[in-house]
Amino acid sequence: MKLALWQPTDESDQTIRECLHDFGDDVLAATWKGADRTGGVREDQQAYARLKELAFKDDLTCLHNRHFFSIRLEEEVSRHRHRKKPASVVLLDLDNLKSVNDDLGYAAGDATLRGMAEILLKHTRAGNLPCRYGGDRFAVLLVETSKAGARLYADRIRDALCSRQFAHGRRVTASFGIASLPESAIPSADGLIQAADEALYTAKRAGKNRIAVYEVKPHE
């Protein structure tokens, strides 16, 4: 079944339409079913808004997903180029989610991911963007935030997670990697993610439950 969906006129929504292609026709049909086809544009817009939420939200944690994060990160990097505003990315991996899944089951693992999302939402100010990046990884975009500010934020999240009492009784920790503009000297979205990822694995190799900040190497 192929659907003729209402098409927005705003060119910026092209990315939204591209994201929607990731969903099968059955999913689109189920979401579109709620629209009254005799109701005109208003119902079409409401149905499109529901499709947009599907495209940009992680259904387990209710955080935004990697698609939306990538769009916002590109915007902030562009803003940095034109206005010289700082921006930071914090990547974090849960250190022991696999053992929770293996020993206690995936329901306990899912509860851990939702708990991590709650911590991020509670401790992230409006205007910044926490998302589930995939699997046991989360990412946070900190707008107009320097490397020092990003480090303080990561310390706050790490402390909140360490003190969190999960229903399954396991202690959960995370490792963090930080990259910032202009300090990381990588004025591209992909480069900033790669730098934060490199810092994250530095934290992992150092023993986990740690925070590492990307530092520009002398030859760079």
C-alpha atoms as a PDB file:
ATOM      1  CA  MET A   1       0.000   0.000   0.000  1.00  0.00           C
ATOM      2  CA  LYS A   2       1.397   3.386  -1.008  1.00  0.00           C
ATOM      3  CA  LEU A   3       0.127   6.536   0.676  1.00  0.00           C
ATOM      4  CA  ALA A   4      -0.167  10.010  -0.793  1.00  0.00           C
ATOM      5  CA  LEU A   5       0.860  12.056   2.226  1.00  0.00           C
ATOM      6  CA  TRP A   6       0.385  15.769   2.710  1.00  0.00           C
ATOM      7  CA  GLN A   7       3.658  17.416   1.754  1.00  0.00           C
ATOM      8  CA  PRO A   8       4.825  20.475   3.747  1.00  0.00           C
ATOM      9  CA  THR A   9       6.094  23.448   1.790  1.00  0.00           C
ATOM     10  CA  ASP A  10       8.938  24.347   4.163  1.00  0.00           C
ATOM     11  CA  GLU A  11      12.190  23.216   2.538  1.00  0.00           C
ATOM     12  CA  SER A  12      13.678  22.429   5.932  1.00  0.00           C
ATOM     13  CA  ASP A  13      11.193  19.557   6.267  1.00  0.00           C
ATOM     14  CA  GLN A  14      12.932  17.698   3.436  1.00  0.00           C
ATOM     15  CA  THR A  15      15.048  15.940   6.049  1.00  0.00           C
ATOM     16  CA  ILE A  16      11.877  14.908   7.879  1.00  0.00           C
ATOM     17  CA  ARG A  17      10.476  13.364   4.708  1.00  0.00           C
ATOM     18  CA  GLU A  18      13.736  11.499   4.154  1.00  0.00           C
ATOM     19  CA  CYS A  19      13.602  10.129   7.711  1.00  0.00           C
ATOM     20  CA  LEU A  20      10.043   8.910   7.166  1.00  0.00           C
ATOM     21  CA  HIS A  21      11.252   6.679   4.342  1.00  0.00           C
ATOM     22  CA  ASP A  22      12.875   4.513   7.039  1.00  0.00           C
ATOM     23  CA  PHE A  23       9.414   3.366   8.120  1.00  0.00           C
ATOM     24  CA  GLY A  24       7.494   0.656   6.280  1.00  0.00           C
ATOM     25  CA  ASP A  25       4.119   1.242   4.685  1.00  0.00           C
ATOM     26  CA  ASP A  26       2.359  -0.714   7.448  1.00  0.00           C
ATOM     27  CA  VAL A  27       3.686   1.666  10.112  1.00  0.00           C
ATOM     28  CA  LEU A  28       2.792   4.713   8.068  1.00  0.00           C
ATOM     29  CA  ALA A  29      -0.684   3.357   7.372  1.00  0.00           C
ATOM     30  CA  ALA A  30      -1.327   2.690  11.064  1.00  0.00           C
ATOM     31  CA  THR A  31      -0.254   6.206  11.991  1.00  0.00           C
ATOM     32  CA  TRP A  32      -2.199   7.779   9.146  1.00  0.00           C
ATOM     33  CA  LYS A  33      -5.364   5.839  10.049  1.00  0.00           C
ATOM     34  CA  GLY A  34      -6.296   8.368  12.748  1.00  0.00           C
ATOM     35  CA  ALA A  35      -6.688  11.199  10.243  1.00  0.00           C
ATOM     36  CA  ASP A  36     -10.198  11.983   8.953  1.00  0.00           C
ATOM     37  CA  ARG A  37      -9.679  12.171   5.214  1.00  0.00           C
ATOM     38  CA  THR A  38     -12.745  14.438   4.911  1.00  0.00           C
ATOM     39  CA  GLY A  39     -11.370  16.880   7.451  1.00  0.00           C
ATOM     40  CA  GLY A  40      -8.898  18.627   5.182  1.00  0.00           C
ATOM     41  CA  VAL A  41      -5.520  20.159   5.932  1.00  0.00           C
ATOM     42  CA  ARG A  42      -5.856  20.378   9.720  1.00  0.00           C
ATOM     43  CA  GLU A  43      -6.175  16.610  10.130  1.00  0.00           C
ATOM     44  CA  ASP A  44      -3.405  16.081   7.581  1.00  0.00           C
ATOM     45  CA  GLN A  45      -1.138  18.329   9.630  1.00  0.00           C
ATOM     46  CA  GLN A  46      -1.961  16.464  12.834  1.00  0.00           C
ATOM     47  CA  ALA A  47      -1.212  13.126  11.193  1.00  0.00           C
ATOM     48  CA  TYR A  48       2.009  14.494   9.751  1.00  0.00           C
ATOM     49  CA  ALA A  49       3.010  15.700  13.217  1.00  0.00           C
ATOM     50  CA  ARG A  50       2.539  12.144  14.512  1.00  0.00           C
ATOM     51  CA  LEU A  51       4.711  10.789  11.700  1.00  0.00           C
ATOM     52  CA  LYS A  52       7.323  13.422  12.484  1.00  0.00           C
ATOM     53  CA  GLU A  53       7.391  12.290  16.116  1.00  0.00           C
ATOM     54  CA  LEU A  54       7.894   8.695  14.977  1.00  0.00           C
ATOM     55  CA  ALA A  55      10.823   9.822  12.842  1.00  0.00           C
ATOM     56  CA  PHE A  56      12.563  11.804  15.581  1.00  0.00           C
ATOM     57  CA  LYS A  57      11.781  10.071  18.899  1.00  0.00           C
ATOM     58  CA  ASP A  58      13.151   6.936  20.523  1.00  0.00           C
ATOM     59  CA  ASP A  59      10.109   4.948  21.636  1.00  0.00           C
ATOM     60  CA  LEU A  60      11.818   3.295  24.626  1.00  0.00           C
ATOM     61  CA  THR A  61      13.243   6.373  26.355  1.00  0.00           C
ATOM     62  CA  CYS A  62      11.095   9.118  24.751  1.00  0.00           C
ATOM     63  CA  LEU A  63      14.283  11.063  24.073  1.00  0.00           C
ATOM     64  CA  HIS A  64      15.016  12.408  20.633  1.00  0.00           C
ATOM     65  CA  ASN A  65      16.905   9.992  18.420  1.00  0.00           C
ATOM     66  CA  ARG A  66      20.097  10.095  16.383  1.00  0.00           C
ATOM     67  CA  HIS A  67      18.334  11.495  13.306  1.00  0.00           C
ATOM     68  CA  PHE A  68      17.189  14.596  15.153  1.00  0.00           C
ATOM     69  CA  PHE A  69      20.476  14.971  17.022  1.00  0.00           C
ATOM     70  CA  SER A  70      22.389  14.989  13.729  1.00  0.00           C
ATOM     71  CA  ILE A  71      20.178  17.746  12.326  1.00  0.00           C
ATOM     72  CA  ARG A  72      20.576  19.934  15.422  1.00  0.00           C
ATOM     73  CA  LEU A  73      24.319  19.322  15.588  1.00  0.00           C
ATOM     74  CA  GLU A  74      24.743  20.479  11.983  1.00  0.00           C
ATOM     75  CA  GLU A  75      22.817  23.632  12.866  1.00  0.00           C
ATOM     76  CA  GLU A  76      25.002  24.374  15.873  1.00  0.00           C
ATOM     77  CA  VAL A  77      28.230  23.780  13.961  1.00  0.00           C
ATOM     78  CA  SER A  78      26.990  26.187  11.289  1.00  0.00           C
ATOM     79  CA  ARG A  79      26.145  28.679  14.019  1.00  0.00           C
ATOM     80  CA  HIS A  80      29.668  28.334  15.378  1.00  0.00           C
ATOM     81  CA  ARG A  81      31.151  29.027  11.944  1.00  0.00           C
ATOM     82  CA  HIS A  82      29.102  32.166  11.426  1.00  0.00           C
ATOM     83  CA  ARG A  83      28.792  33.574  14.945  1.00  0.00           C
ATOM     84  CA  LYS A  84      31.703  31.946  16.765  1.00  0.00           C
ATOM     85  CA  LYS A  85      29.408  30.558  19.460  1.00  0.00           C
ATOM     86  CA  PRO A  86      30.847  27.635  21.451  1.00  0.00           C
ATOM     87  CA  ALA A  87      29.200  24.230  21.377  1.00  0.00           C
ATOM     88  CA  SER A  88      29.963  20.906  23.012  1.00  0.00           C
ATOM     89  CA  VAL A  89      29.045  17.269  22.515  1.00  0.00           C
ATOM     90  CA  VAL A  90      28.971  14.777  25.367  1.00  0.00           C
ATOM     91  CA  LEU A  91      28.839  11.085  24.466  1.00  0.00           C
ATOM     92  CA  LEU A  92      28.240   8.524  27.187  1.00  0.00           C
ATOM     93  CA  ASP A  93      28.101   4.740  27.260  1.00  0.00           C
ATOM     94  CA  LEU A  94      26.570   2.727  30.080  1.00  0.00           C
ATOM     95  CA  ASP A  95      29.443   0.584  31.339  1.00  0.00           C
ATOM     96  CA  ASN A  96      27.641  -2.540  32.463  1.00  0.00           C
ATOM     97  CA  LEU A  97      24.321  -2.700  30.636  1.00  0.00           C
ATOM     98  CA  LYS A  98      25.264  -5.999  28.983  1.00  0.00           C
ATOM     99  CA  SER A  99      25.662  -7.713  32.342  1.00  0.00           C
ATOM    100  CA  VAL A 100      22.274  -6.354  33.450  1.00  0.00           C
ATOM    101  CA  ASN A 101      20.676  -7.758  30.287  1.00  0.00           C
ATOM    102  CA  ASP A 102      22.496 -11.097  30.572  1.00  0.00           C
ATOM    103  CA  ASP A 103      21.861 -11.652  34.273  1.00  0.00           C
ATOM    104  CA  LEU A 104      18.497  -9.989  34.844  1.00  0.00           C
ATOM    105  CA  GLY A 105      16.830  -9.909  31.451  1.00  0.00           C
ATOM    106  CA  TYR A 106      16.070  -7.261  28.874  1.00  0.00           C
ATOM    107  CA  ALA A 107      13.216  -5.768  30.888  1.00  0.00           C
ATOM    108  CA  ALA A 108      15.769  -4.741  33.515  1.00  0.00           C
ATOM    109  CA  GLY A 109      18.023  -3.403  30.774  1.00  0.00           C
ATOM    110  CA  ASP A 110      15.181  -1.362  29.313  1.00  0.00           C
ATOM    111  CA  ALA A 111      14.390   0.051  32.759  1.00  0.00           C
ATOM    112  CA  THR A 112      18.051   1.074  33.067  1.00  0.00           C
ATOM    113  CA  LEU A 113      17.933   2.916  29.743  1.00  0.00           C
ATOM    114  CA  ARG A 114      14.750   4.713  30.777  1.00  0.00           C
ATOM    115  CA  GLY A 115      16.371   5.643  34.093  1.00  0.00           C
ATOM    116  CA  MET A 116      19.359   7.097  32.278  1.00  0.00           C
ATOM    117  CA  ALA A 117      17.003   9.126  30.102  1.00  0.00           C
ATOM    118  CA  GLU A 118      15.230  10.461  33.200  1.00  0.00           C
ATOM    119  CA  ILE A 119      18.546  11.622  34.637  1.00  0.00           C
ATOM    120  CA  LEU A 120      19.458  13.414  31.422  1.00  0.00           C
ATOM    121  CA  LEU A 121      16.083  15.128  31.192  1.00  0.00           C
ATOM    122  CA  LYS A 122      16.232  16.211  34.832  1.00  0.00           C
ATOM    123  CA  HIS A 123      19.742  17.648  34.675  1.00  0.00           C
ATOM    124  CA  THR A 124      19.813  19.134  31.166  1.00  0.00           C
ATOM    125  CA  ARG A 125      18.662  22.703  30.785  1.00  0.00           C
ATOM    126  CA  ALA A 126      16.157  23.814  28.180  1.00  0.00           C
ATOM    127  CA  GLY A 127      17.777  24.508  24.835  1.00  0.00           C
ATOM    128  CA  ASN A 128      20.266  21.658  25.134  1.00  0.00           C
ATOM    129  CA  LEU A 129      19.510  18.308  23.534  1.00  0.00           C
ATOM    130  CA  PRO A 130      19.868  14.862  25.122  1.00  0.00           C
ATOM    131  CA  CYS A 131      19.207  11.920  22.835  1.00  0.00           C
ATOM    132  CA  ARG A 132      19.528   8.178  22.670  1.00  0.00           C
ATOM    133  CA  TYR A 133      22.264   7.720  20.113  1.00  0.00           C
ATOM    134  CA  GLY A 134      21.836   3.952  19.847  1.00  0.00           C
ATOM    135  CA  GLY A 135      22.087   0.844  22.011  1.00  0.00           C
ATOM    136  CA  ASP A 136      23.555   1.805  25.379  1.00  0.00           C
ATOM    137  CA  ARG A 137      24.929   5.113  24.079  1.00  0.00           C
ATOM    138  CA  PHE A 138      23.503   8.562  24.689  1.00  0.00           C
ATOM    139  CA  ALA A 139      24.563  11.931  23.302  1.00  0.00           C
ATOM    140  CA  VAL A 140      23.976  15.454  24.546  1.00  0.00           C
ATOM    141  CA  LEU A 141      24.359  18.641  22.535  1.00  0.00           C
ATOM    142  CA  LEU A 142      25.256  21.585  24.762  1.00  0.00           C
ATOM    143  CA  VAL A 143      24.677  24.869  22.948  1.00  0.00           C
ATOM    144  CA  GLU A 144      26.838  27.889  23.753  1.00  0.00           C
ATOM    145  CA  THR A 145      28.777  25.714  26.190  1.00  0.00           C
ATOM    146  CA  SER A 146      32.557  25.627  26.421  1.00  0.00           C
ATOM    147  CA  LYS A 147      34.753  22.639  27.219  1.00  0.00           C
ATOM    148  CA  ALA A 148      34.854  23.649  30.898  1.00  0.00           C
ATOM    149  CA  GLY A 149      31.066  23.912  31.054  1.00  0.00           C
ATOM    150  CA  ALA A 150      30.660  20.546  29.343  1.00  0.00           C
ATOM    151  CA  ARG A 151      32.990  18.957  31.899  1.00  0.00           C
ATOM    152  CA  LEU A 152      30.899  20.332  34.763  1.00  0.00           C
ATOM    153  CA  TYR A 153      27.757  18.992  33.097  1.00  0.00           C
ATOM    154  CA  ALA A 154      29.290  15.516  32.646  1.00  0.00           C
ATOM    155  CA  ASP A 155      30.387  15.501  36.309  1.00  0.00           C
ATOM    156  CA  ARG A 156      26.802  16.266  37.327  1.00  0.00           C
ATOM    157  CA  ILE A 157      25.345  13.473  35.182  1.00  0.00           C
ATOM    158  CA  ARG A 158      27.964  10.985  36.344  1.00  0.00           C
ATOM    159  CA  ASP A 159      27.255  11.762  40.024  1.00  0.00           C
ATOM    160  CA  ALA A 160      23.491  11.510  39.493  1.00  0.00           C
ATOM    161  CA  LEU A 161      23.854   8.109  37.811  1.00  0.00           C
ATOM    162  CA  CYS A 162      26.192   6.752  40.494  1.00  0.00           C
ATOM    163  CA  SER A 163      23.677   7.684  43.196  1.00  0.00           C
ATOM    164  CA  ARG A 164      20.653   6.333  41.310  1.00  0.00           C
ATOM    165  CA  GLN A 165      18.955   3.383  42.996  1.00  0.00           C
ATOM    166  CA  PHE A 166      17.653   1.105  40.250  1.00  0.00           C
ATOM    167  CA  ALA A 167      14.888  -1.376  41.025  1.00  0.00           C
ATOM    168  CA  HIS A 168      17.064  -4.278  39.876  1.00  0.00           C
ATOM    169  CA  GLY A 169      19.609  -3.436  42.599  1.00  0.00           C
ATOM    170  CA  ARG A 170      22.665  -3.176  40.348  1.00  0.00           C
ATOM    171  CA  ARG A 171      24.982  -0.173  40.440  1.00  0.00           C
ATOM    172  CA  VAL A 172      25.150   1.413  37.015  1.00  0.00           C
ATOM    173  CA  THR A 173      27.952   3.667  35.800  1.00  0.00           C
ATOM    174  CA  ALA A 174      28.857   5.349  32.532  1.00  0.00           C
ATOM    175  CA  SER A 175      31.923   6.556  30.686  1.00  0.00           C
ATOM    176  CA  PHE A 176      31.922  10.005  29.087  1.00  0.00           C
ATOM    177  CA  GLY A 177      33.691  11.631  26.149  1.00  0.00           C
ATOM    178  CA  ILE A 178      33.611  15.384  25.490  1.00  0.00           C
ATOM    179  CA  ALA A 179      34.510  17.426  22.432  1.00  0.00           C
ATOM    180  CA  SER A 180      33.957  21.168  22.110  1.00  0.00           C
ATOM    181  CA  LEU A 181      34.120  24.025  19.660  1.00  0.00           C
ATOM    182  CA  PRO A 182      36.310  25.976  19.361  1.00  0.00           C
ATOM    183  CA  GLU A 183      38.698  24.061  21.653  1.00  0.00           C
ATOM    184  CA  SER A 184      38.680  20.820  19.637  1.00  0.00           C
ATOM    185  CA  ALA A 185      39.472  22.748  16.439  1.00  0.00           C
ATOM    186  CA  ILE A 186      37.234  20.474  14.335  1.00  0.00           C
ATOM    187  CA  PRO A 187      34.554  22.680  12.764  1.00  0.00           C
ATOM    188  CA  SER A 188      32.396  19.881  11.365  1.00  0.00           C
ATOM    189  CA  ALA A 189      29.588  17.834  12.875  1.00  0.00           C
ATOM    190  CA  ASP A 190      31.154  14.484  11.962  1.00  0.00           C
ATOM    191  CA  GLY A 191      34.530  15.591  13.267  1.00  0.00           C
ATOM    192  CA  LEU A 192      33.042  16.686  16.576  1.00  0.00           C
ATOM    193  CA  ILE A 193      31.318  13.321  17.044  1.00  0.00           C
ATOM    194  CA  GLN A 194      34.519  11.465  16.162  1.00  0.00           C
ATOM    195  CA  ALA A 195      36.486  13.551  18.650  1.00  0.00           C
ATOM    196  CA  ALA A 196      33.942  12.899  21.418  1.00  0.00           C
ATOM    197  CA  ASP A 197      33.993   9.197  20.525  1.00  0.00           C
ATOM    198  CA  GLU A 198      37.779   9.115  20.789  1.00  0.00           C
ATOM    199  CA  ALA A 199      37.581  10.760  24.202  1.00  0.00           C
ATOM    200  CA  LEU A 200      34.913   8.267  25.277  1.00  0.00           C
ATOM    201  CA  TYR A 201      37.143   5.307  24.478  1.00  0.00           C
ATOM    202  CA  THR A 202      39.975   6.978  26.361  1.00  0.00           C
ATOM    203  CA  ALA A 203      37.658   7.008  29.395  1.00  0.00           C
ATOM    204  CA  LYS A 204      36.791   3.339  28.827  1.00  0.00           C
ATOM    205  CA  ARG A 205      40.431   2.315  28.584  1.00  0.00           C
ATOM    206  CA  ALA A 206      41.226   4.237  31.768  1.00  0.00           C
ATOM    207  CA  GLY A 207      38.899   2.003  33.775  1.00  0.00           C
ATOM    208  CA  LYS A 208      35.308   3.144  33.002  1.00  0.00           C
ATOM    209  CA  ASN A 209      33.100   5.396  35.124  1.00  0.00           C
ATOM    210  CA  ARG A 210      35.358   8.239  33.999  1.00  0.00           C
ATOM    211  CA  ILE A 211      35.196  11.441  31.974  1.00  0.00           C
ATOM    212  CA  ALA A 212      37.687  12.232  29.209  1.00  0.00           C
ATOM    213  CA  VAL A 213      37.971  15.418  27.168  1.00  0.00           C
ATOM    214  CA  TYR A 214      39.290  15.419  23.630  1.00  0.00           C
ATOM    215  CA  GLU A 215      42.578  17.265  23.359  1.00  0.00           C
ATOM    216  CA  VAL A 216      44.039  18.457  20.076  1.00  0.00           C
ATOM    217  CA  LYS A 217      47.224  16.573  19.298  1.00  0.00           C
ATOM    218  CA  PRO A 218      50.371  18.636  18.638  1.00  0.00           C
ATOM    219  CA  HIS A 219      50.550  17.644  14.939  1.00  0.00           C
ATOM    220  CA  GLU A 220      46.912  18.728  14.434  1.00  0.00           C
END
